[in-house]
């Protein structure tokens, strides 16, 4: 639940819907209080970061970096 809710929060934030982003973040943190993406997005919202910052950062990452990050995250999660 936490990964989906945190991803929804990103989508809502990028779409300019901060209220919906917060609702999704609340759900993500309820499901997993340590979920890193939820905390990252919450910090961005708390600091008043504009939504375009996310798309700018993501555009700079290569597919290889994204896949390596996903693999690293899978290694840390419990089986």
Protein backbone atom coordinates (compact mmCIF):
# COMPACT_ATOMS: atom_id res chain seq x y z
CA UNK A 1 0.00 0.00 0.00
CA UNK A 2 2.73 2.48 0.92
CA UNK A 3 4.54 2.39 -2.45
CA UNK A 4 1.29 2.90 -4.37
CA UNK A 5 0.08 5.68 -2.10
CA UNK A 6 3.45 7.45 -2.24
CA UNK A 7 3.47 7.17 -6.04
CA UNK A 8 -0.04 8.59 -6.13
CA UNK A 9 1.19 11.47 -3.95
CA UNK A 10 3.90 12.23 -6.51
CA UNK A 11 1.34 12.20 -9.33
CA UNK A 12 -0.99 14.51 -7.41
CA UNK A 13 1.85 16.87 -6.50
CA UNK A 14 3.11 17.04 -10.09
CA UNK A 15 -0.47 17.68 -11.22
CA UNK A 16 -0.69 20.61 -8.78
CA UNK A 17 -3.10 19.00 -6.30
CA UNK A 18 -1.33 19.41 -2.98
CA UNK A 19 -4.38 18.42 -0.91
CA UNK A 20 -4.71 15.08 -2.69
CA UNK A 21 -0.94 14.60 -2.41
CA UNK A 22 -1.15 15.05 1.37
CA UNK A 23 -4.06 12.59 1.60
CA UNK A 24 -2.04 10.00 -0.32
CA UNK A 25 1.02 10.67 1.85
CA UNK A 26 -1.04 10.16 5.00
CA UNK A 27 -2.14 6.78 3.63
CA UNK A 28 1.43 5.85 2.71
CA UNK A 29 2.79 6.72 6.14
CA UNK A 30 -0.08 4.91 7.86
CA UNK A 31 0.87 1.78 5.93
CA UNK A 32 4.64 2.18 6.39
CA UNK A 33 5.93 4.94 8.68
CA UNK A 34 9.45 4.55 7.26
CA UNK A 35 8.60 4.68 3.56
CA UNK A 36 11.34 6.82 2.02
CA UNK A 37 9.42 8.13 -1.00
CA UNK A 38 6.58 9.29 1.22
CA UNK A 39 9.02 11.19 3.42
CA UNK A 40 10.80 12.65 0.40
CA UNK A 41 7.57 13.99 -1.09
CA UNK A 42 6.34 15.24 2.28
CA UNK A 43 9.57 17.16 2.76
CA UNK A 44 9.24 18.72 -0.69
CA UNK A 45 5.66 19.76 0.03
CA UNK A 46 6.56 21.13 3.48
CA UNK A 47 9.34 23.20 1.95
CA UNK A 48 7.03 24.53 -0.75
CA UNK A 49 8.99 23.02 -3.61
CA UNK A 50 7.28 23.53 -6.97
CA UNK A 51 6.00 20.39 -8.71
CA UNK A 52 8.24 20.91 -11.73
CA UNK A 53 11.28 20.18 -9.55
CA UNK A 54 10.28 16.48 -9.50
CA UNK A 55 10.00 16.21 -13.26
CA UNK A 56 13.28 18.08 -13.66
CA UNK A 57 15.13 15.72 -11.30
CA UNK A 58 13.60 12.62 -12.86
CA UNK A 59 14.48 13.81 -16.37
CA UNK A 60 18.15 13.90 -15.36
CA UNK A 61 18.21 10.22 -14.35
CA UNK A 62 19.09 7.56 -16.87
CA UNK A 63 17.06 4.34 -17.18
CA UNK A 64 20.10 2.47 -15.83
CA UNK A 65 20.19 4.65 -12.69
CA UNK A 66 16.48 4.12 -12.11
CA UNK A 67 16.78 0.35 -12.53
CA UNK A 68 19.83 0.18 -10.27
CA UNK A 69 17.98 2.14 -7.61
CA UNK A 70 14.96 -0.17 -7.88
CA UNK A 71 17.16 -3.25 -7.56
CA UNK A 72 18.91 -1.77 -4.53
CA UNK A 73 15.54 -1.07 -2.88
CA UNK A 74 14.41 -4.66 -3.48
CA UNK A 75 17.51 -5.99 -1.76
CA UNK A 76 16.67 -4.03 1.39
CA UNK A 77 13.02 -4.97 1.61
CA UNK A 78 12.04 -8.09 3.55
CA UNK A 79 11.14 -11.21 1.60
